Amino acid sequence: METIEKEHTTNKNNAPVMQEPGKLYVIRRNGDLVEYTDEKIVVAVTKAFLAVEGTSAPDSNRIHDKVRELVGH
């Protein structure tokens, strides 16, 4: 069994954070370090499109397809 070394860092609030090699992390606005997930990016980009496109946009397959394409889903 292989042991994975974890790097110890601190976030904005000096709270200890564990990082595993090969994983992607995102620094949130509050300074917390969280593991990257595609789904959170999909939600954020979709909300941006919807804010620009208006009220009929949530039903638009074009927007949802474009977001998935941009994120790589």
PDB file of N, CA and C in Angstrom:
ATOM      1  N   MET A   1       0.835  -1.171   0.000  1.00  0.00           N
ATOM      2  CA  MET A   1       0.000   0.000   0.000  1.00  0.00           C
ATOM      3  C   MET A   1       0.883   1.238   0.000  1.00  0.00           C
ATOM      4  N   GLU A   2       0.563   2.175  -0.880  1.00  0.00           N
ATOM      5  CA  GLU A   2       1.372   3.378  -1.046  1.00  0.00           C
ATOM      6  C   GLU A   2       0.884   4.477  -0.107  1.00  0.00           C
ATOM      7  N   THR A   3       1.793   5.160   0.537  1.00  0.00           N
ATOM      8  CA  THR A   3       1.453   6.275   1.410  1.00  0.00           C
ATOM      9  C   THR A   3       1.503   7.560   0.611  1.00  0.00           C
ATOM     10  N   ILE A   4       0.468   8.355   0.734  1.00  0.00           N
ATOM     11  CA  ILE A   4       0.413   9.637   0.034  1.00  0.00           C
ATOM     12  C   ILE A   4       0.780  10.734   1.019  1.00  0.00           C
ATOM     13  N   GLU A   5       1.793  11.489   0.659  1.00  0.00           N
ATOM     14  CA  GLU A   5       2.196  12.620   1.488  1.00  0.00           C
ATOM     15  C   GLU A   5       1.218  13.762   1.258  1.00  0.00           C
ATOM     16  N   LYS A   6       0.763  14.369   2.325  1.00  0.00           N
ATOM     17  CA  LYS A   6      -0.129  15.508   2.225  1.00  0.00           C
ATOM     18  C   LYS A   6       0.626  16.756   2.631  1.00  0.00           C
ATOM     19  N   GLU A   7       0.386  17.823   1.888  1.00  0.00           N
ATOM     20  CA  GLU A   7       1.028  19.097   2.170  1.00  0.00           C
ATOM     21  C   GLU A   7       0.143  19.880   3.128  1.00  0.00           C
ATOM     22  N   HIS A   8       0.709  20.408   4.174  1.00  0.00           N
ATOM     23  CA  HIS A   8      -0.051  21.188   5.137  1.00  0.00           C
ATOM     24  C   HIS A   8       0.129  22.665   4.817  1.00  0.00           C
ATOM     25  N   THR A   9      -0.983  23.354   4.670  1.00  0.00           N
ATOM     26  CA  THR A   9      -0.953  24.802   4.475  1.00  0.00           C
ATOM     27  C   THR A   9      -2.021  25.396   5.380  1.00  0.00           C
ATOM     28  N   THR A  10      -2.144  26.704   5.372  1.00  0.00           N
ATOM     29  CA  THR A  10      -3.210  27.351   6.121  1.00  0.00           C
ATOM     30  C   THR A  10      -4.016  28.221   5.173  1.00  0.00           C
ATOM     31  N   ASN A  11      -5.281  28.438   5.515  1.00  0.00           N
ATOM     32  CA  ASN A  11      -6.110  29.319   4.715  1.00  0.00           C
ATOM     33  C   ASN A  11      -6.012  30.744   5.258  1.00  0.00           C
ATOM     34  N   LYS A  12      -6.870  31.615   4.771  1.00  0.00           N
ATOM     35  CA  LYS A  12      -6.845  33.028   5.163  1.00  0.00           C
ATOM     36  C   LYS A  12      -7.004  33.212   6.673  1.00  0.00           C
ATOM     37  N   ASN A  13      -7.746  32.315   7.286  1.00  0.00           N
ATOM     38  CA  ASN A  13      -7.989  32.392   8.729  1.00  0.00           C
ATOM     39  C   ASN A  13      -6.961  31.601   9.532  1.00  0.00           C
ATOM     40  N   ASN A  14      -5.877  31.204   8.894  1.00  0.00           N
ATOM     41  CA  ASN A  14      -4.811  30.406   9.503  1.00  0.00           C
ATOM     42  C   ASN A  14      -5.286  29.050  10.008  1.00  0.00           C
ATOM     43  N   ALA A  15      -6.370  28.541   9.433  1.00  0.00           N
ATOM     44  CA  ALA A  15      -6.833  27.203   9.780  1.00  0.00           C
ATOM     45  C   ALA A  15      -6.039  26.194   8.953  1.00  0.00           C
ATOM     46  N   PRO A  16      -5.617  25.087   9.547  1.00  0.00           N
ATOM     47  CA  PRO A  16      -4.841  24.114   8.780  1.00  0.00           C
ATOM     48  C   PRO A  16      -5.672  23.479   7.670  1.00  0.00           C
ATOM     49  N   VAL A  17      -5.028  23.262   6.532  1.00  0.00           N
ATOM     50  CA  VAL A  17      -5.680  22.681   5.365  1.00  0.00           C
ATOM     51  C   VAL A  17      -4.794  21.559   4.843  1.00  0.00           C
ATOM     52  N   MET A  18      -5.403  20.431   4.489  1.00  0.00           N
ATOM     53  CA  MET A  18      -4.652  19.303   3.924  1.00  0.00           C
ATOM     54  C   MET A  18      -4.827  19.317   2.414  1.00  0.00           C
ATOM     55  N   GLN A  19      -3.743  19.150   1.689  1.00  0.00           N
ATOM     56  CA  GLN A  19      -3.793  19.062   0.234  1.00  0.00           C
ATOM     57  C   GLN A  19      -3.188  17.743  -0.181  1.00  0.00           C
ATOM     58  N   GLU A  20      -3.849  17.076  -1.120  1.00  0.00           N
ATOM     59  CA  GLU A  20      -3.320  15.832  -1.652  1.00  0.00           C
ATOM     60  C   GLU A  20      -2.742  16.105  -3.031  1.00  0.00           C
ATOM     61  N   PRO A  21      -1.582  15.557  -3.333  1.00  0.00           N
ATOM     62  CA  PRO A  21      -0.985  15.744  -4.646  1.00  0.00           C
ATOM     63  C   PRO A  21      -1.908  15.227  -5.741  1.00  0.00           C
ATOM     64  N   GLY A  22      -1.984  15.961  -6.841  1.00  0.00           N
ATOM     65  CA  GLY A  22      -2.785  15.533  -7.979  1.00  0.00           C
ATOM     66  C   GLY A  22      -4.231  15.988  -7.935  1.00  0.00           C
ATOM     67  N   LYS A  23      -4.660  16.624  -6.853  1.00  0.00           N
ATOM     68  CA  LYS A  23      -6.023  17.139  -6.773  1.00  0.00           C
ATOM     69  C   LYS A  23      -6.002  18.642  -6.978  1.00  0.00           C
ATOM     70  N   LEU A  24      -7.086  19.160  -7.562  1.00  0.00           N
ATOM     71  CA  LEU A  24      -7.206  20.594  -7.775  1.00  0.00           C
ATOM     72  C   LEU A  24      -8.007  21.217  -6.641  1.00  0.00           C
ATOM     73  N   TYR A  25      -7.610  22.410  -6.247  1.00  0.00           N
ATOM     74  CA  TYR A  25      -8.285  23.114  -5.169  1.00  0.00           C
ATOM     75  C   TYR A  25      -8.638  24.524  -5.624  1.00  0.00           C
ATOM     76  N   VAL A  26      -9.654  25.096  -4.980  1.00  0.00           N
ATOM     77  CA  VAL A  26     -10.114  26.450  -5.268  1.00  0.00           C
ATOM     78  C   VAL A  26     -10.090  27.224  -3.960  1.00  0.00           C
ATOM     79  N   ILE A  27      -9.636  28.470  -4.025  1.00  0.00           N
ATOM     80  CA  ILE A  27      -9.682  29.342  -2.854  1.00  0.00           C
ATOM     81  C   ILE A  27     -10.988  30.125  -2.938  1.00  0.00           C
ATOM     82  N   ARG A  28     -11.857  29.916  -1.972  1.00  0.00           N
ATOM     83  CA  ARG A  28     -13.149  30.595  -1.957  1.00  0.00           C
ATOM     84  C   ARG A  28     -12.967  32.049  -1.554  1.00  0.00           C
ATOM     85  N   ARG A  29     -13.995  32.851  -1.755  1.00  0.00           N
ATOM     86  CA  ARG A  29     -13.931  34.275  -1.407  1.00  0.00           C
ATOM     87  C   ARG A  29     -13.635  34.494   0.072  1.00  0.00           C
ATOM     88  N   ASN A  30     -14.071  33.570   0.909  1.00  0.00           N
ATOM     89  CA  ASN A  30     -13.827  33.727   2.357  1.00  0.00           C
ATOM     90  C   ASN A  30     -12.441  33.224   2.765  1.00  0.00           C
ATOM     91  N   GLY A  31     -11.655  32.770   1.788  1.00  0.00           N
ATOM     92  CA  GLY A  31     -10.294  32.321   2.056  1.00  0.00           C
ATOM     93  C   GLY A  31     -10.148  30.833   2.282  1.00  0.00           C
ATOM     94  N   ASP A  32     -11.265  30.113   2.381  1.00  0.00           N
ATOM     95  CA  ASP A  32     -11.201  28.659   2.576  1.00  0.00           C
ATOM     96  C   ASP A  32     -10.701  27.970   1.313  1.00  0.00           C
ATOM     97  N   LEU A  33      -9.982  26.902   1.500  1.00  0.00           N
ATOM     98  CA  LEU A  33      -9.477  26.094   0.402  1.00  0.00           C
ATOM     99  C   LEU A  33     -10.358  24.862   0.287  1.00  0.00           C
ATOM    100  N   VAL A  34     -10.993  24.672  -0.878  1.00  0.00           N
ATOM    101  CA  VAL A  34     -11.888  23.532  -1.082  1.00  0.00           C
ATOM    102  C   VAL A  34     -11.481  22.794  -2.350  1.00  0.00           C
ATOM    103  N   GLU A  35     -11.830  21.508  -2.395  1.00  0.00           N
ATOM    104  CA  GLU A  35     -11.511  20.702  -3.564  1.00  0.00           C
ATOM    105  C   GLU A  35     -12.355  21.157  -4.751  1.00  0.00           C
ATOM    106  N   TYR A  36     -11.738  21.241  -5.916  1.00  0.00           N
ATOM    107  CA  TYR A  36     -12.411  21.642  -7.156  1.00  0.00           C
ATOM    108  C   TYR A  36     -13.419  20.587  -7.578  1.00  0.00           C
ATOM    109  N   THR A  37     -14.611  21.028  -7.983  1.00  0.00           N
ATOM    110  CA  THR A  37     -15.591  20.129  -8.592  1.00  0.00           C
ATOM    111  C   THR A  37     -16.173  20.813  -9.821  1.00  0.00           C
ATOM    112  N   ASP A  38     -16.307  20.044 -10.901  1.00  0.00           N
ATOM    113  CA  ASP A  38     -16.890  20.591 -12.129  1.00  0.00           C
ATOM    114  C   ASP A  38     -18.294  21.126 -11.890  1.00  0.00           C
ATOM    115  N   GLU A  39     -19.069  20.419 -11.088  1.00  0.00           N
ATOM    116  CA  GLU A  39     -20.472  20.781 -10.908  1.00  0.00           C
ATOM    117  C   GLU A  39     -20.646  22.187 -10.337  1.00  0.00           C
ATOM    118  N   LYS A  40     -19.786  22.607  -9.433  1.00  0.00           N
ATOM    119  CA  LYS A  40     -19.894  23.958  -8.882  1.00  0.00           C
ATOM    120  C   LYS A  40     -19.584  25.011  -9.950  1.00  0.00           C
ATOM    121  N   ILE A  41     -18.660  24.690 -10.845  1.00  0.00           N
ATOM    122  CA  ILE A  41     -18.350  25.598 -11.947  1.00  0.00           C
ATOM    123  C   ILE A  41     -19.538  25.673 -12.897  1.00  0.00           C
ATOM    124  N   VAL A  42     -20.167  24.526 -13.183  1.00  0.00           N
ATOM    125  CA  VAL A  42     -21.356  24.489 -14.049  1.00  0.00           C
ATOM    126  C   VAL A  42     -22.440  25.397 -13.467  1.00  0.00           C
ATOM    127  N   VAL A  43     -22.684  25.304 -12.168  1.00  0.00           N
ATOM    128  CA  VAL A  43     -23.717  26.118 -11.531  1.00  0.00           C
ATOM    129  C   VAL A  43     -23.377  27.607 -11.651  1.00  0.00           C
ATOM    130  N   ALA A  44     -22.145  27.973 -11.383  1.00  0.00           N
ATOM    131  CA  ALA A  44     -21.736  29.379 -11.428  1.00  0.00           C
ATOM    132  C   ALA A  44     -21.844  29.956 -12.839  1.00  0.00           C
ATOM    133  N   VAL A  45     -21.377  29.220 -13.835  1.00  0.00           N
ATOM    134  CA  VAL A  45     -21.422  29.703 -15.217  1.00  0.00           C
ATOM    135  C   VAL A  45     -22.871  29.774 -15.700  1.00  0.00           C
ATOM    136  N   THR A  46     -23.682  28.797 -15.321  1.00  0.00           N
ATOM    137  CA  THR A  46     -25.102  28.813 -15.694  1.00  0.00           C
ATOM    138  C   THR A  46     -25.788  30.042 -15.107  1.00  0.00           C
ATOM    139  N   LYS A  47     -25.520  30.348 -13.847  1.00  0.00           N
ATOM    140  CA  LYS A  47     -26.114  31.528 -13.223  1.00  0.00           C
ATOM    141  C   LYS A  47     -25.702  32.806 -13.946  1.00  0.00           C
ATOM    142  N   ALA A  48     -24.456  32.868 -14.391  1.00  0.00           N
ATOM    143  CA  ALA A  48     -23.994  34.051 -15.130  1.00  0.00           C
ATOM    144  C   ALA A  48     -24.743  34.191 -16.456  1.00  0.00           C
ATOM    145  N   PHE A  49     -24.887  33.081 -17.193  1.00  0.00           N
ATOM    146  CA  PHE A  49     -25.645  33.116 -18.444  1.00  0.00           C
ATOM    147  C   PHE A  49     -27.087  33.545 -18.189  1.00  0.00           C
ATOM    148  N   LEU A  50     -27.711  32.989 -17.163  1.00  0.00           N
ATOM    149  CA  LEU A  50     -29.109  33.288 -16.870  1.00  0.00           C
ATOM    150  C   LEU A  50     -29.295  34.751 -16.489  1.00  0.00           C
ATOM    151  N   ALA A  51     -28.339  35.319 -15.779  1.00  0.00           N
ATOM    152  CA  ALA A  51     -28.419  36.720 -15.392  1.00  0.00           C
ATOM    153  C   ALA A  51     -28.393  37.630 -16.618  1.00  0.00           C
ATOM    154  N   VAL A  52     -27.654  37.239 -17.630  1.00  0.00           N
ATOM    155  CA  VAL A  52     -27.542  38.049 -18.845  1.00  0.00           C
ATOM    156  C   VAL A  52     -28.724  37.812 -19.784  1.00  0.00           C
ATOM    157  N   GLU A  53     -29.158  36.569 -19.897  1.00  0.00           N
ATOM    158  CA  GLU A  53     -30.187  36.195 -20.868  1.00  0.00           C
ATOM    159  C   GLU A  53     -31.607  36.557 -20.437  1.00  0.00           C
ATOM    160  N   GLY A  54     -31.885  36.610 -19.147  1.00  0.00           N
ATOM    161  CA  GLY A  54     -33.223  36.979 -18.698  1.00  0.00           C
ATOM    162  C   GLY A  54     -34.070  35.818 -18.238  1.00  0.00           C
ATOM    163  N   THR A  55     -35.372  36.077 -18.060  1.00  0.00           N
ATOM    164  CA  THR A  55     -36.259  35.130 -17.408  1.00  0.00           C
ATOM    165  C   THR A  55     -36.582  33.884 -18.220  1.00  0.00           C
ATOM    166  N   SER A  56     -36.525  33.938 -19.533  1.00  0.00           N
ATOM    167  CA  SER A  56     -36.837  32.754 -20.343  1.00  0.00           C
ATOM    168  C   SER A  56     -35.646  31.803 -20.459  1.00  0.00           C
ATOM    169  N   ALA A  57     -34.504  32.231 -20.017  1.00  0.00           N
ATOM    170  CA  ALA A  57     -33.274  31.459 -20.173  1.00  0.00           C
ATOM    171  C   ALA A  57     -33.233  30.126 -19.431  1.00  0.00           C
ATOM    172  N   PRO A  58     -33.837  29.973 -18.244  1.00  0.00           N
ATOM    173  CA  PRO A  58     -33.716  28.691 -17.542  1.00  0.00           C
ATOM    174  C   PRO A  58     -34.215  27.493 -18.343  1.00  0.00           C
ATOM    175  N   ASP A  59     -35.130  27.724 -19.261  1.00  0.00           N
ATOM    176  CA  ASP A  59     -35.665  26.632 -20.081  1.00  0.00           C
ATOM    177  C   ASP A  59     -34.870  26.412 -21.365  1.00  0.00           C
ATOM    178  N   SER A  60     -33.838  27.199 -21.579  1.00  0.00           N
ATOM    179  CA  SER A  60     -33.084  27.139 -22.827  1.00  0.00           C
ATOM    180  C   SER A  60     -32.057  26.005 -22.818  1.00  0.00           C
ATOM    181  N   ASN A  61     -32.259  25.020 -23.677  1.00  0.00           N
ATOM    182  CA  ASN A  61     -31.271  23.943 -23.826  1.00  0.00           C
ATOM    183  C   ASN A  61     -29.966  24.482 -24.387  1.00  0.00           C
ATOM    184  N   ARG A  62     -30.045  25.533 -25.199  1.00  0.00           N
ATOM    185  CA  ARG A  62     -28.847  26.135 -25.787  1.00  0.00           C
ATOM    186  C   ARG A  62     -27.879  26.586 -24.701  1.00  0.00           C
ATOM    187  N   ILE A  63     -28.395  27.231 -23.675  1.00  0.00           N
ATOM    188  CA  ILE A  63     -27.539  27.725 -22.591  1.00  0.00           C
ATOM    189  C   ILE A  63     -26.925  26.565 -21.820  1.00  0.00           C
ATOM    190  N   HIS A  64     -27.740  25.592 -21.454  1.00  0.00           N
ATOM    191  CA  HIS A  64     -27.226  24.464 -20.678  1.00  0.00           C
ATOM    192  C   HIS A  64     -26.212  23.647 -21.479  1.00  0.00           C
ATOM    193  N   ASP A  65     -26.452  23.492 -22.781  1.00  0.00           N
ATOM    194  CA  ASP A  65     -25.499  22.779 -23.637  1.00  0.00           C
ATOM    195  C   ASP A  65     -24.183  23.544 -23.743  1.00  0.00           C
ATOM    196  N   LYS A  66     -24.271  24.867 -23.880  1.00  0.00           N
ATOM    197  CA  LYS A  66     -23.061  25.696 -23.994  1.00  0.00           C
ATOM    198  C   LYS A  66     -22.240  25.648 -22.708  1.00  0.00           C
ATOM    199  N   VAL A  67     -22.912  25.694 -21.571  1.00  0.00           N
ATOM    200  CA  VAL A  67     -22.214  25.632 -20.287  1.00  0.00           C
ATOM    201  C   VAL A  67     -21.474  24.305 -20.151  1.00  0.00           C
ATOM    202  N   ARG A  68     -22.134  23.215 -20.456  1.00  0.00           N
ATOM    203  CA  ARG A  68     -21.495  21.882 -20.380  1.00  0.00           C
ATOM    204  C   ARG A  68     -20.295  21.824 -21.327  1.00  0.00           C
ATOM    205  N   GLU A  69     -20.434  22.418 -22.499  1.00  0.00           N
ATOM    206  CA  GLU A  69     -19.317  22.433 -23.463  1.00  0.00           C
ATOM    207  C   GLU A  69     -18.127  23.222 -22.897  1.00  0.00           C
ATOM    208  N   LEU A  70     -18.414  24.379 -22.318  1.00  0.00           N
ATOM    209  CA  LEU A  70     -17.340  25.221 -21.771  1.00  0.00           C
ATOM    210  C   LEU A  70     -16.617  24.561 -20.602  1.00  0.00           C
ATOM    211  N   VAL A  71     -17.364  23.864 -19.768  1.00  0.00           N
ATOM    212  CA  VAL A  71     -16.768  23.220 -18.598  1.00  0.00           C
ATOM    213  C   VAL A  71     -16.107  21.905 -18.953  1.00  0.00           C
ATOM    214  N   GLY A  72     -16.515  21.329 -20.066  1.00  0.00           N
ATOM    215  CA  GLY A  72     -15.886  20.078 -20.497  1.00  0.00           C
ATOM    216  C   GLY A  72     -16.640  18.846 -20.078  1.00  0.00           C
ATOM    217  N   HIS A  73     -17.917  18.977 -19.829  1.00  0.00           N
ATOM    218  CA  HIS A  73     -18.757  17.835 -19.447  1.00  0.00           C
ATOM    219  C   HIS A  73     -19.245  17.124 -20.672  1.00  0.00           C
TER     220      HIS A  73
END
